[in-house]
Amino acid sequence: MKDVATEADLTKLRNAVHARLGNVKSSNMSNWRVGNYNLTSIAALVQETEFEKGKATETFVFVLDGKNAVLAGYNVNSNDLITQ
């Protein structure tokens, strides 16, 4: 993610989601997968998240390195994010 977004960009995204949807009320994992691509282990977690003002599907992609997991991607999909 460092190659495509700065920490400031990610903070702006997080703040925009929070401003539109509010605080998280609940979040449940709906799907997950682990795989090895080009000798890199990846874990993807899909969360169905309910916020104060709407719902979203969030996908977190982590690169696994031994005991460490580093966030490599984040996607939020929500009609409420656009319409609120």
C-alpha atoms as a PDB file:
ATOM      1  CA  MET A   1       0.000   0.000   0.000  1.00  0.00           C
ATOM      2  CA  LYS A   2       2.924   2.312   0.620  1.00  0.00           C
ATOM      3  CA  ASP A   3       3.534   2.370  -3.131  1.00  0.00           C
ATOM      4  CA  VAL A   4       0.046   3.673  -3.964  1.00  0.00           C
ATOM      5  CA  ALA A   5      -1.137   5.597  -0.892  1.00  0.00           C
ATOM      6  CA  THR A   6       0.507   7.663   1.783  1.00  0.00           C
ATOM      7  CA  GLU A   7      -0.416   7.465   5.447  1.00  0.00           C
ATOM      8  CA  ALA A   8      -2.113  10.851   5.002  1.00  0.00           C
ATOM      9  CA  ASP A   9      -4.213   9.454   2.124  1.00  0.00           C
ATOM     10  CA  LEU A  10      -5.322   6.497   4.235  1.00  0.00           C
ATOM     11  CA  THR A  11      -6.152   8.795   7.138  1.00  0.00           C
ATOM     12  CA  LYS A  12      -8.301  10.923   4.797  1.00  0.00           C
ATOM     13  CA  LEU A  13     -10.143   7.804   3.623  1.00  0.00           C
ATOM     14  CA  ARG A  14     -10.732   6.609   7.186  1.00  0.00           C
ATOM     15  CA  ASN A  15     -11.954  10.058   8.210  1.00  0.00           C
ATOM     16  CA  ALA A  16     -14.296  10.263   5.205  1.00  0.00           C
ATOM     17  CA  VAL A  17     -15.848   6.862   6.003  1.00  0.00           C
ATOM     18  CA  HIS A  18     -16.245   7.871   9.645  1.00  0.00           C
ATOM     19  CA  ALA A  19     -17.776  11.258   8.766  1.00  0.00           C
ATOM     20  CA  ARG A  20     -20.361   9.632   6.472  1.00  0.00           C
ATOM     21  CA  LEU A  21     -21.164   6.444   8.379  1.00  0.00           C
ATOM     22  CA  GLY A  22     -20.232   7.175  12.007  1.00  0.00           C
ATOM     23  CA  ASN A  23     -18.811   4.760  14.542  1.00  0.00           C
ATOM     24  CA  VAL A  24     -18.778   0.999  14.073  1.00  0.00           C
ATOM     25  CA  LYS A  25     -21.684  -0.719  15.820  1.00  0.00           C
ATOM     26  CA  SER A  26     -20.768  -4.284  14.850  1.00  0.00           C
ATOM     27  CA  SER A  27     -18.612  -6.190  12.401  1.00  0.00           C
ATOM     28  CA  ASN A  28     -18.777  -9.847  11.395  1.00  0.00           C
ATOM     29  CA  MET A  29     -16.421 -11.801   9.191  1.00  0.00           C
ATOM     30  CA  SER A  30     -18.306 -13.030   6.139  1.00  0.00           C
ATOM     31  CA  ASN A  31     -15.419 -14.593   4.247  1.00  0.00           C
ATOM     32  CA  TRP A  32     -11.692 -15.193   4.402  1.00  0.00           C
ATOM     33  CA  ARG A  33      -9.056 -16.790   2.269  1.00  0.00           C
ATOM     34  CA  VAL A  34      -5.345 -17.484   2.511  1.00  0.00           C
ATOM     35  CA  GLY A  35      -3.164 -18.143  -0.474  1.00  0.00           C
ATOM     36  CA  ASN A  36       0.350 -18.047  -1.800  1.00  0.00           C
ATOM     37  CA  TYR A  37       0.946 -15.888  -4.858  1.00  0.00           C
ATOM     38  CA  ASN A  38       4.411 -15.481  -6.388  1.00  0.00           C
ATOM     39  CA  LEU A  39       5.995 -16.865  -3.193  1.00  0.00           C
ATOM     40  CA  THR A  40       4.100 -14.333  -1.046  1.00  0.00           C
ATOM     41  CA  SER A  41       1.515 -15.485   1.482  1.00  0.00           C
ATOM     42  CA  ILE A  42      -1.656 -13.389   1.468  1.00  0.00           C
ATOM     43  CA  ALA A  43      -4.693 -13.373   3.785  1.00  0.00           C
ATOM     44  CA  ALA A  44      -7.891 -11.579   2.783  1.00  0.00           C
ATOM     45  CA  LEU A  45     -10.645 -10.919   5.325  1.00  0.00           C
ATOM     46  CA  VAL A  46     -14.115  -9.708   4.309  1.00  0.00           C
ATOM     47  CA  GLN A  47     -16.134  -8.012   7.046  1.00  0.00           C
ATOM     48  CA  GLU A  48     -19.805  -7.034   6.982  1.00  0.00           C
ATOM     49  CA  THR A  49     -19.766  -3.888   9.104  1.00  0.00           C
ATOM     50  CA  GLU A  50     -22.697  -1.978  10.543  1.00  0.00           C
ATOM     51  CA  PHE A  51     -22.007   1.652  11.309  1.00  0.00           C
ATOM     52  CA  GLU A  52     -24.232   4.152  13.100  1.00  0.00           C
ATOM     53  CA  LYS A  53     -25.515   5.512   9.774  1.00  0.00           C
ATOM     54  CA  GLY A  54     -25.247   2.608   7.374  1.00  0.00           C
ATOM     55  CA  LYS A  55     -23.621  -0.646   6.338  1.00  0.00           C
ATOM     56  CA  ALA A  56     -20.490  -1.552   4.398  1.00  0.00           C
ATOM     57  CA  THR A  57     -18.502  -4.511   3.184  1.00  0.00           C
ATOM     58  CA  GLU A  58     -14.850  -4.046   4.079  1.00  0.00           C
ATOM     59  CA  THR A  59     -12.024  -6.127   2.634  1.00  0.00           C
ATOM     60  CA  PHE A  60      -8.631  -6.197   4.317  1.00  0.00           C
ATOM     61  CA  VAL A  61      -5.670  -7.813   2.532  1.00  0.00           C
ATOM     62  CA  PHE A  62      -2.593  -8.722   4.546  1.00  0.00           C
ATOM     63  CA  VAL A  63       0.853  -9.931   3.464  1.00  0.00           C
ATOM     64  CA  LEU A  64       2.025 -12.637   5.871  1.00  0.00           C
ATOM     65  CA  ASP A  65       5.678 -12.847   6.822  1.00  0.00           C
ATOM     66  CA  GLY A  66       6.391 -15.321   9.578  1.00  0.00           C
ATOM     67  CA  LYS A  67       4.464 -14.100  12.625  1.00  0.00           C
ATOM     68  CA  ASN A  68       3.814 -10.661  11.099  1.00  0.00           C
ATOM     69  CA  ALA A  69       0.819  -9.542   9.041  1.00  0.00           C
ATOM     70  CA  VAL A  70       1.144  -6.238   7.197  1.00  0.00           C
ATOM     71  CA  LEU A  71      -1.900  -4.482   5.755  1.00  0.00           C
ATOM     72  CA  ALA A  72      -1.410  -4.380   1.991  1.00  0.00           C
ATOM     73  CA  GLY A  73      -4.880  -3.379   0.829  1.00  0.00           C
ATOM     74  CA  TYR A  74      -8.207  -2.024   2.029  1.00  0.00           C
ATOM     75  CA  ASN A  75     -11.488  -1.692   0.164  1.00  0.00           C
ATOM     76  CA  VAL A  76     -14.817  -0.396   1.419  1.00  0.00           C
ATOM     77  CA  ASN A  77     -18.004  -0.984  -0.562  1.00  0.00           C
ATOM     78  CA  SER A  78     -21.149   0.785   0.633  1.00  0.00           C
ATOM     79  CA  ASN A  79     -24.138   2.404  -1.017  1.00  0.00           C
ATOM     80  CA  ASP A  80     -24.713   4.218   2.285  1.00  0.00           C
ATOM     81  CA  LEU A  81     -21.252   5.760   2.019  1.00  0.00           C
ATOM     82  CA  ILE A  82     -22.323   7.445  -1.213  1.00  0.00           C
ATOM     83  CA  THR A  83     -25.921   8.335  -0.329  1.00  0.00           C
ATOM     84  CA  GLN A  84     -25.516   9.541   3.278  1.00  0.00           C
END
